[in-house]
C-alpha cells in the first residue's frame, strides 16, 4: 500500500508531466559519457563504447579553439562533467557543463580576464538563431532533441569535448 508521502510524490510527478510535454522519460541503458566533436558538429551519447544517440549541433559564434575568456564565443575543449539541469531555460531545456575548471580559471586569471561560465547544451529557440554558429559558447540542438538529451543525461555524467 502506498503511504501518504509516496502518493504525494507520485501525484506531483504526474502533475508535472501533465503540465508539459517537454519532459520525456528515458528507460534505456544509462548514458555513461557524452562526446562532442566540435569540428564535425556531432555529439554522441554513449553507454560504454555503444552509441545510444547522436546529434548535430551549432556552436558559439567563434567556434575554433578552446574557450579562454568570457565573451570569446568559443566552446570549451577537454574533459568536464554535466553539473546541473535547468528545466526553465530561456533556451527551452538545458544541461550545464562544468566549465570553468581550475586550469581554465588560472589561465584566464593570468591574462587578467574572467573565464566566463554558464556553458550549456540547450535547445534552439527560433527567435535567437541568426547564423549557423550563433551561441556565446554553448552547444545548441533542436528542441525535440533536447527533450531526449535532458531525459537521458544525468548530473555527474562526464562530457569530453574535442576540436
N, C-alpha and C. Protein backbone atom coordinates (compact mmCIF):
# COMPACT_ATOMS: atom_id res chain seq x y z
N UNK A 1 0.84 -1.18 0.00
CA UNK A 1 0.00 0.00 0.00
C UNK A 1 0.88 1.25 0.00
N UNK A 2 0.47 2.23 -0.71
CA UNK A 2 1.23 3.46 -0.85
C UNK A 2 0.99 4.37 0.35
N UNK A 3 2.08 4.87 0.97
CA UNK A 3 1.89 5.80 2.08
C UNK A 3 1.63 7.20 1.54
N UNK A 4 1.27 8.11 2.43
CA UNK A 4 0.87 9.46 2.03
C UNK A 4 2.01 10.20 1.30
N UNK A 5 3.27 10.09 1.81
CA UNK A 5 4.40 10.77 1.20
C UNK A 5 4.64 10.25 -0.22
N UNK A 6 4.62 8.93 -0.41
CA UNK A 6 4.82 8.34 -1.73
C UNK A 6 3.71 8.78 -2.67
N UNK A 7 2.47 8.75 -2.19
CA UNK A 7 1.33 9.16 -3.01
C UNK A 7 1.49 10.62 -3.44
N UNK A 8 1.88 11.48 -2.51
CA UNK A 8 2.05 12.89 -2.83
C UNK A 8 3.15 13.08 -3.87
N UNK A 9 4.26 12.35 -3.72
CA UNK A 9 5.36 12.44 -4.68
C UNK A 9 4.93 11.98 -6.06
N UNK A 10 4.22 10.87 -6.11
CA UNK A 10 3.74 10.33 -7.39
C UNK A 10 2.74 11.29 -8.02
N UNK A 11 1.84 11.83 -7.23
CA UNK A 11 0.85 12.78 -7.73
C UNK A 11 1.53 14.03 -8.28
N UNK A 12 2.56 14.51 -7.58
CA UNK A 12 3.29 15.69 -8.05
C UNK A 12 4.01 15.40 -9.37
N UNK A 13 4.58 14.22 -9.48
CA UNK A 13 5.26 13.84 -10.71
C UNK A 13 4.27 13.79 -11.87
N UNK A 14 3.12 13.19 -11.67
CA UNK A 14 2.10 13.14 -12.73
C UNK A 14 1.62 14.54 -13.09
N UNK A 15 1.46 15.39 -12.11
CA UNK A 15 1.02 16.76 -12.37
C UNK A 15 2.06 17.50 -13.19
N UNK A 16 3.32 17.32 -12.84
CA UNK A 16 4.40 17.98 -13.56
C UNK A 16 4.45 17.52 -15.01
N UNK A 17 4.37 16.22 -15.23
CA UNK A 17 4.44 15.72 -16.60
C UNK A 17 3.19 16.04 -17.39
N UNK A 18 2.06 16.17 -16.71
CA UNK A 18 0.83 16.52 -17.40
C UNK A 18 0.84 17.98 -17.85
N UNK A 19 1.57 18.83 -17.13
CA UNK A 19 1.62 20.25 -17.45
C UNK A 19 2.48 20.54 -18.67
N UNK A 20 3.40 19.70 -18.97
CA UNK A 20 4.31 19.98 -20.07
C UNK A 20 4.68 18.70 -20.79
N UNK A 21 4.78 18.81 -22.10
CA UNK A 21 5.16 17.64 -22.88
C UNK A 21 6.66 17.64 -23.17
N UNK A 22 7.43 18.58 -22.59
CA UNK A 22 8.85 18.62 -22.88
C UNK A 22 9.68 17.70 -21.99
N UNK A 23 9.07 17.07 -21.00
CA UNK A 23 9.81 16.19 -20.10
C UNK A 23 9.59 14.75 -20.48
N UNK A 24 10.53 14.20 -21.26
CA UNK A 24 10.48 12.80 -21.66
C UNK A 24 10.96 11.92 -20.52
N UNK A 25 10.57 10.66 -20.57
CA UNK A 25 11.06 9.66 -19.62
C UNK A 25 11.92 8.70 -20.42
N UNK A 26 13.12 8.42 -19.90
CA UNK A 26 14.05 7.52 -20.57
C UNK A 26 14.25 6.30 -19.69
N UNK A 27 14.08 5.12 -20.27
CA UNK A 27 14.22 3.88 -19.50
C UNK A 27 15.28 2.94 -20.08
N UNK A 28 16.08 3.43 -21.00
CA UNK A 28 17.10 2.60 -21.63
C UNK A 28 18.37 2.54 -20.81
N UNK A 29 19.44 2.03 -21.43
CA UNK A 29 20.73 1.95 -20.74
C UNK A 29 21.21 3.35 -20.35
N UNK A 30 21.92 3.47 -19.24
CA UNK A 30 22.36 4.81 -18.81
C UNK A 30 23.40 5.39 -19.75
N UNK A 31 23.36 6.70 -19.88
CA UNK A 31 24.40 7.42 -20.61
C UNK A 31 25.59 7.52 -19.66
N UNK A 32 26.72 6.92 -20.05
CA UNK A 32 27.91 6.93 -19.20
C UNK A 32 28.89 8.02 -19.59
N UNK A 33 28.73 8.58 -20.80
CA UNK A 33 29.55 9.72 -21.21
C UNK A 33 28.91 10.40 -22.42
N UNK A 34 29.29 11.65 -22.60
CA UNK A 34 28.89 12.44 -23.76
C UNK A 34 30.18 12.83 -24.47
N UNK A 35 30.22 12.63 -25.79
CA UNK A 35 31.38 13.01 -26.59
C UNK A 35 30.92 14.04 -27.62
N UNK A 36 31.63 15.16 -27.64
CA UNK A 36 31.31 16.25 -28.56
C UNK A 36 32.49 16.44 -29.50
N UNK A 37 32.23 16.32 -30.79
CA UNK A 37 33.24 16.57 -31.82
C UNK A 37 32.89 17.89 -32.50
N UNK A 38 33.53 18.96 -32.02
CA UNK A 38 33.18 20.31 -32.48
C UNK A 38 33.35 20.46 -33.98
N UNK A 39 34.46 20.01 -34.54
CA UNK A 39 34.72 20.17 -35.97
C UNK A 39 33.69 19.49 -36.85
N UNK A 40 33.23 18.34 -36.41
CA UNK A 40 32.22 17.59 -37.16
C UNK A 40 30.80 18.04 -36.82
N UNK A 41 30.66 18.86 -35.77
CA UNK A 41 29.35 19.29 -35.26
C UNK A 41 28.48 18.07 -34.95
N UNK A 42 29.10 17.12 -34.22
CA UNK A 42 28.40 15.88 -33.88
C UNK A 42 28.60 15.57 -32.41
N UNK A 43 27.51 15.24 -31.72
CA UNK A 43 27.54 14.87 -30.31
C UNK A 43 27.00 13.45 -30.17
N UNK A 44 27.67 12.65 -29.32
CA UNK A 44 27.29 11.26 -29.11
C UNK A 44 26.98 11.03 -27.64
N UNK A 45 25.86 10.37 -27.36
CA UNK A 45 25.54 9.90 -26.02
C UNK A 45 25.90 8.43 -25.98
N UNK A 46 26.80 8.06 -25.07
CA UNK A 46 27.34 6.71 -25.05
C UNK A 46 26.99 5.97 -23.77
N UNK A 47 26.85 4.65 -23.91
CA UNK A 47 26.84 3.73 -22.78
C UNK A 47 28.05 2.84 -23.01
N UNK A 48 29.11 3.11 -22.23
CA UNK A 48 30.38 2.43 -22.51
C UNK A 48 30.86 2.85 -23.88
N UNK A 49 31.08 1.90 -24.78
CA UNK A 49 31.50 2.19 -26.15
C UNK A 49 30.34 2.20 -27.13
N UNK A 50 29.13 1.93 -26.65
CA UNK A 50 27.95 1.87 -27.54
C UNK A 50 27.32 3.24 -27.68
N UNK A 51 27.10 3.67 -28.93
CA UNK A 51 26.41 4.93 -29.20
C UNK A 51 24.92 4.71 -29.03
N UNK A 52 24.33 5.43 -28.09
CA UNK A 52 22.89 5.36 -27.87
C UNK A 52 22.15 6.32 -28.80
N UNK A 53 22.68 7.52 -28.93
CA UNK A 53 22.08 8.55 -29.79
C UNK A 53 23.19 9.47 -30.27
N UNK A 54 22.97 10.12 -31.40
CA UNK A 54 23.90 11.14 -31.86
C UNK A 54 23.10 12.31 -32.43
N UNK A 55 23.70 13.50 -32.35
CA UNK A 55 23.01 14.73 -32.73
C UNK A 55 23.95 15.69 -33.44
N UNK A 56 23.41 16.43 -34.39
CA UNK A 56 24.09 17.57 -34.97
C UNK A 56 23.84 18.76 -34.04
N UNK A 57 24.70 19.76 -34.10
CA UNK A 57 24.52 20.92 -33.22
C UNK A 57 25.16 22.15 -33.82
N UNK A 58 24.89 23.29 -33.18
CA UNK A 58 25.50 24.57 -33.50
C UNK A 58 26.33 25.02 -32.31
N UNK A 59 27.35 25.82 -32.58
CA UNK A 59 28.28 26.25 -31.54
C UNK A 59 28.25 27.77 -31.36
N UNK A 60 29.27 28.24 -30.65
CA UNK A 60 29.45 29.67 -30.46
C UNK A 60 29.85 30.36 -31.75
N UNK A 61 29.72 31.68 -31.75
CA UNK A 61 29.98 32.46 -32.95
C UNK A 61 31.45 32.46 -33.38
N UNK A 62 32.36 32.00 -32.51
CA UNK A 62 33.79 31.84 -32.85
C UNK A 62 34.20 30.42 -32.44
N UNK A 63 33.79 29.42 -33.21
CA UNK A 63 33.84 28.03 -32.75
C UNK A 63 35.22 27.38 -32.67
N UNK A 64 36.22 27.91 -33.34
CA UNK A 64 37.52 27.24 -33.38
C UNK A 64 38.33 27.59 -32.14
N UNK A 65 38.84 26.55 -31.47
CA UNK A 65 39.69 26.75 -30.31
C UNK A 65 38.94 26.57 -29.00
N UNK A 66 39.72 26.47 -27.93
CA UNK A 66 39.20 26.27 -26.57
C UNK A 66 38.76 27.60 -25.96
N UNK A 67 37.67 27.59 -25.27
CA UNK A 67 37.20 28.78 -24.57
C UNK A 67 38.24 29.20 -23.55
N UNK A 68 38.59 30.49 -23.56
CA UNK A 68 39.59 31.01 -22.63
C UNK A 68 39.05 32.12 -21.75
N UNK A 69 38.23 33.00 -22.35
CA UNK A 69 37.73 34.14 -21.59
C UNK A 69 36.25 34.39 -21.88
N UNK A 70 35.63 35.06 -20.96
CA UNK A 70 34.22 35.41 -21.10
C UNK A 70 34.00 36.23 -22.36
N UNK A 71 32.98 35.85 -23.13
CA UNK A 71 32.62 36.61 -24.31
C UNK A 71 33.37 36.27 -25.58
N UNK A 72 34.26 35.26 -25.53
CA UNK A 72 35.04 34.94 -26.73
C UNK A 72 34.27 34.12 -27.77
N UNK A 73 33.07 33.66 -27.43
CA UNK A 73 32.25 32.92 -28.38
C UNK A 73 32.72 31.52 -28.67
N UNK A 74 33.65 31.02 -27.86
CA UNK A 74 34.20 29.67 -28.06
C UNK A 74 33.53 28.68 -27.12
N UNK A 75 33.55 27.43 -27.51
CA UNK A 75 33.05 26.33 -26.70
C UNK A 75 34.26 25.62 -26.09
N UNK A 76 34.20 25.28 -24.81
CA UNK A 76 35.36 24.62 -24.19
C UNK A 76 35.75 23.33 -24.91
N UNK A 77 37.00 22.95 -24.72
CA UNK A 77 37.52 21.66 -25.18
C UNK A 77 38.17 20.99 -23.98
N UNK A 78 38.00 19.68 -23.87
CA UNK A 78 38.59 18.95 -22.76
C UNK A 78 37.57 18.11 -22.03
N UNK A 79 37.95 17.67 -20.84
CA UNK A 79 37.11 16.79 -20.02
C UNK A 79 36.42 17.61 -18.94
N UNK A 80 35.10 17.52 -18.92
CA UNK A 80 34.27 18.20 -17.93
C UNK A 80 33.20 17.21 -17.47
N UNK A 81 32.16 17.68 -16.81
CA UNK A 81 31.04 16.83 -16.44
C UNK A 81 29.76 17.67 -16.47
N UNK A 82 28.65 17.00 -16.56
CA UNK A 82 27.35 17.69 -16.51
C UNK A 82 27.11 18.04 -15.04
N UNK A 83 26.93 19.33 -14.77
CA UNK A 83 26.85 19.76 -13.37
C UNK A 83 25.49 20.29 -12.93
N UNK A 84 24.54 20.41 -13.86
CA UNK A 84 23.21 20.88 -13.47
C UNK A 84 22.24 20.70 -14.63
N UNK A 85 20.96 20.75 -14.28
CA UNK A 85 19.89 20.72 -15.28
C UNK A 85 18.99 21.93 -15.04
N UNK A 86 18.55 22.54 -16.12
CA UNK A 86 17.68 23.70 -16.00
C UNK A 86 16.39 23.46 -16.79
N UNK A 87 15.30 23.14 -16.09
CA UNK A 87 14.04 22.90 -16.79
C UNK A 87 13.36 24.20 -17.24
N UNK A 88 13.83 25.35 -16.74
CA UNK A 88 13.23 26.65 -17.06
C UNK A 88 14.16 27.52 -17.88
N UNK A 89 14.97 26.92 -18.71
CA UNK A 89 15.95 27.64 -19.51
C UNK A 89 15.27 28.58 -20.51
N UNK A 90 15.90 29.69 -20.78
CA UNK A 90 15.45 30.58 -21.86
C UNK A 90 15.58 29.90 -23.21
N UNK A 91 16.35 28.81 -23.24
CA UNK A 91 16.58 28.06 -24.46
C UNK A 91 15.94 26.67 -24.37
N UNK A 92 14.68 26.66 -23.93
CA UNK A 92 13.81 25.50 -23.83
C UNK A 92 14.17 24.62 -22.64
N UNK A 93 15.16 23.77 -22.76
CA UNK A 93 15.72 22.96 -21.67
C UNK A 93 17.23 23.07 -21.80
N UNK A 94 17.94 22.89 -20.69
CA UNK A 94 19.40 22.92 -20.80
C UNK A 94 20.05 22.07 -19.72
N UNK A 95 21.25 21.59 -20.05
CA UNK A 95 22.09 20.88 -19.07
C UNK A 95 23.45 21.58 -19.06
N UNK A 96 23.95 21.82 -17.86
CA UNK A 96 25.18 22.60 -17.70
C UNK A 96 26.44 21.77 -17.81
N UNK A 97 27.46 22.39 -18.36
CA UNK A 97 28.80 21.80 -18.46
C UNK A 97 29.67 22.49 -17.41
N UNK A 98 30.50 21.75 -16.72
CA UNK A 98 31.24 22.24 -15.55
C UNK A 98 32.36 23.23 -15.85
N UNK A 99 32.42 23.79 -17.03
CA UNK A 99 33.38 24.86 -17.34
C UNK A 99 33.04 26.08 -16.49
N UNK A 100 34.02 26.77 -15.91
CA UNK A 100 35.45 26.58 -16.00
C UNK A 100 35.97 25.67 -14.88
N UNK A 101 37.02 24.92 -15.19
CA UNK A 101 37.68 24.14 -14.14
C UNK A 101 38.85 24.98 -13.59
N UNK A 102 39.61 24.42 -12.68
CA UNK A 102 40.70 25.17 -12.04
C UNK A 102 41.73 25.66 -13.07
N UNK A 103 42.08 24.84 -14.05
CA UNK A 103 43.05 25.25 -15.07
C UNK A 103 42.50 26.40 -15.92
N UNK A 104 41.20 26.32 -16.26
CA UNK A 104 40.59 27.40 -17.04
C UNK A 104 40.61 28.72 -16.27
N UNK A 105 40.30 28.66 -14.98
CA UNK A 105 40.30 29.87 -14.15
C UNK A 105 41.71 30.45 -14.03
N UNK A 106 42.70 29.58 -13.85
CA UNK A 106 44.08 30.04 -13.71
C UNK A 106 44.57 30.70 -15.00
N UNK A 107 44.26 30.10 -16.14
CA UNK A 107 44.70 30.67 -17.42
C UNK A 107 44.08 32.04 -17.66
N UNK A 108 42.78 32.16 -17.39
CA UNK A 108 42.10 33.45 -17.57
C UNK A 108 42.66 34.48 -16.60
N UNK A 109 42.88 34.08 -15.36
CA UNK A 109 43.43 34.98 -14.35
C UNK A 109 44.80 35.49 -14.79
N UNK A 110 45.63 34.62 -15.36
CA UNK A 110 46.96 35.02 -15.84
C UNK A 110 46.86 36.06 -16.96
N UNK A 111 45.75 36.05 -17.69
CA UNK A 111 45.54 37.04 -18.76
C UNK A 111 44.82 38.28 -18.24
N UNK A 112 44.48 38.26 -16.94
CA UNK A 112 43.75 39.39 -16.38
C UNK A 112 42.29 39.42 -16.79
N UNK A 113 41.73 38.26 -17.10
CA UNK A 113 40.36 38.16 -17.62
C UNK A 113 39.54 37.19 -16.78
N UNK A 114 38.24 37.21 -17.01
CA UNK A 114 37.32 36.23 -16.43
C UNK A 114 37.19 35.07 -17.42
N UNK A 115 37.14 33.82 -16.92
CA UNK A 115 36.98 32.70 -17.84
C UNK A 115 35.56 32.58 -18.39
N UNK A 116 34.63 33.28 -17.79
CA UNK A 116 33.23 33.12 -18.17
C UNK A 116 32.66 31.87 -17.53
N UNK A 117 31.53 31.46 -17.97
CA UNK A 117 30.87 30.29 -17.42
C UNK A 117 29.50 30.13 -18.06
N UNK A 118 28.63 29.43 -17.37
CA UNK A 118 27.27 29.18 -17.88
C UNK A 118 27.30 28.60 -19.29
N UNK A 119 28.09 27.55 -19.47
CA UNK A 119 28.14 26.84 -20.74
C UNK A 119 27.17 25.66 -20.64
N UNK A 120 26.27 25.57 -21.60
CA UNK A 120 25.21 24.57 -21.58
C UNK A 120 25.08 23.86 -22.92
N UNK A 121 24.43 22.71 -22.87
CA UNK A 121 23.80 22.11 -24.04
C UNK A 121 22.35 22.53 -23.92
N UNK A 122 21.80 23.15 -24.96
CA UNK A 122 20.43 23.67 -24.85
C UNK A 122 19.70 23.62 -26.18
N UNK A 123 18.43 23.95 -26.12
CA UNK A 123 17.59 23.99 -27.31
C UNK A 123 17.89 25.21 -28.17
N UNK A 124 17.12 25.35 -29.25
CA UNK A 124 17.35 26.42 -30.22
C UNK A 124 16.07 27.18 -30.52
N UNK A 125 15.73 28.15 -29.69
CA UNK A 125 14.55 28.95 -30.00
C UNK A 125 14.74 29.72 -31.30
N UNK A 126 13.72 29.74 -32.13
CA UNK A 126 13.81 30.40 -33.43
C UNK A 126 14.17 31.88 -33.31
N UNK A 127 13.71 32.53 -32.26
CA UNK A 127 13.93 33.97 -32.14
C UNK A 127 15.40 34.32 -31.90
N UNK A 128 16.23 33.36 -31.45
CA UNK A 128 17.63 33.65 -31.17
C UNK A 128 18.56 33.24 -32.31
N UNK A 129 18.13 32.35 -33.15
CA UNK A 129 19.01 31.82 -34.19
C UNK A 129 19.21 32.85 -35.30
N UNK A 130 20.47 33.14 -35.58
CA UNK A 130 20.80 34.09 -36.64
C UNK A 130 21.71 33.46 -37.69
N UNK A 131 22.78 32.84 -37.25
CA UNK A 131 23.80 32.27 -38.12
C UNK A 131 23.96 30.79 -37.79
N UNK A 132 24.69 30.03 -38.63
CA UNK A 132 24.90 28.62 -38.32
C UNK A 132 25.53 28.39 -36.94
N UNK A 133 26.49 29.19 -36.54
CA UNK A 133 27.05 29.14 -35.20
C UNK A 133 26.74 30.47 -34.55
N UNK A 134 25.92 30.46 -33.52
CA UNK A 134 25.35 31.70 -33.01
C UNK A 134 25.40 31.85 -31.49
N UNK A 135 25.72 30.79 -30.75
CA UNK A 135 25.65 30.89 -29.30
C UNK A 135 26.86 31.66 -28.76
N UNK A 136 26.92 31.85 -27.46
CA UNK A 136 28.05 32.52 -26.81
C UNK A 136 29.07 31.51 -26.31
N UNK A 137 28.98 30.27 -26.79
CA UNK A 137 29.91 29.22 -26.39
C UNK A 137 29.20 27.93 -26.03
N UNK A 138 27.89 27.95 -26.07
CA UNK A 138 27.10 26.76 -25.74
C UNK A 138 26.98 25.85 -26.96
N UNK A 139 26.35 24.71 -26.74
CA UNK A 139 26.05 23.73 -27.78
C UNK A 139 24.54 23.72 -27.95
N UNK A 140 24.05 24.06 -29.13
CA UNK A 140 22.61 24.16 -29.37
C UNK A 140 22.13 23.04 -30.28
N UNK A 141 21.09 22.36 -29.84
CA UNK A 141 20.43 21.31 -30.62
C UNK A 141 18.96 21.71 -30.81
N UNK A 142 18.25 20.97 -31.62
CA UNK A 142 16.82 21.21 -31.79
C UNK A 142 16.09 20.92 -30.49
N UNK A 143 15.01 21.64 -30.25
CA UNK A 143 14.25 21.48 -29.01
C UNK A 143 13.80 20.04 -28.79
N UNK A 144 13.31 19.39 -29.83
CA UNK A 144 12.86 17.99 -29.68
C UNK A 144 14.01 17.08 -29.28
N UNK A 145 15.21 17.34 -29.83
CA UNK A 145 16.38 16.55 -29.45
C UNK A 145 16.78 16.85 -28.01
N UNK A 146 16.61 18.11 -27.59
CA UNK A 146 16.97 18.48 -26.22
C UNK A 146 16.08 17.76 -25.22
N UNK A 147 14.85 17.46 -25.59
CA UNK A 147 13.97 16.69 -24.70
C UNK A 147 14.58 15.33 -24.40
N UNK A 148 15.11 14.66 -25.42
CA UNK A 148 15.75 13.36 -25.22
C UNK A 148 17.03 13.49 -24.41
N UNK A 149 17.86 14.45 -24.77
CA UNK A 149 19.14 14.65 -24.07
C UNK A 149 18.88 14.94 -22.59
N UNK A 150 17.93 15.80 -22.31
CA UNK A 150 17.60 16.17 -20.94
C UNK A 150 17.15 14.94 -20.14
N UNK A 151 16.38 14.08 -20.78
CA UNK A 151 15.90 12.87 -20.11
C UNK A 151 17.01 11.84 -19.93
N UNK A 152 17.92 11.75 -20.86
CA UNK A 152 18.92 10.68 -20.87
C UNK A 152 20.17 10.98 -20.06
N UNK A 153 20.59 12.24 -20.02
CA UNK A 153 21.88 12.60 -19.42
C UNK A 153 21.67 13.11 -17.99
N UNK A 154 22.35 12.47 -17.06
CA UNK A 154 22.23 12.83 -15.65
C UNK A 154 23.35 13.75 -15.19
N UNK A 155 23.07 14.49 -14.14
CA UNK A 155 24.11 15.29 -13.49
C UNK A 155 25.23 14.34 -13.06
N UNK A 156 26.47 14.74 -13.29
CA UNK A 156 27.63 13.91 -12.96
C UNK A 156 28.18 13.15 -14.15
N UNK A 157 27.46 13.11 -15.26
CA UNK A 157 27.93 12.39 -16.46
C UNK A 157 29.15 13.10 -17.04
N UNK A 158 30.24 12.39 -17.32
CA UNK A 158 31.40 13.01 -17.96
C UNK A 158 31.07 13.46 -19.39
N UNK A 159 31.64 14.59 -19.78
CA UNK A 159 31.50 15.07 -21.15
C UNK A 159 32.89 15.42 -21.66
N UNK A 160 33.20 14.93 -22.87
CA UNK A 160 34.50 15.13 -23.48
C UNK A 160 34.29 15.92 -24.76
N UNK A 161 34.90 17.10 -24.81
CA UNK A 161 34.74 17.99 -25.94
C UNK A 161 36.05 18.08 -26.71
N UNK A 162 35.99 17.71 -28.00
CA UNK A 162 37.17 17.66 -28.86
C UNK A 162 37.05 18.70 -29.97
N UNK A 163 38.20 19.15 -30.48
CA UNK A 163 38.25 20.15 -31.55
C UNK A 163 37.55 19.69 -32.80
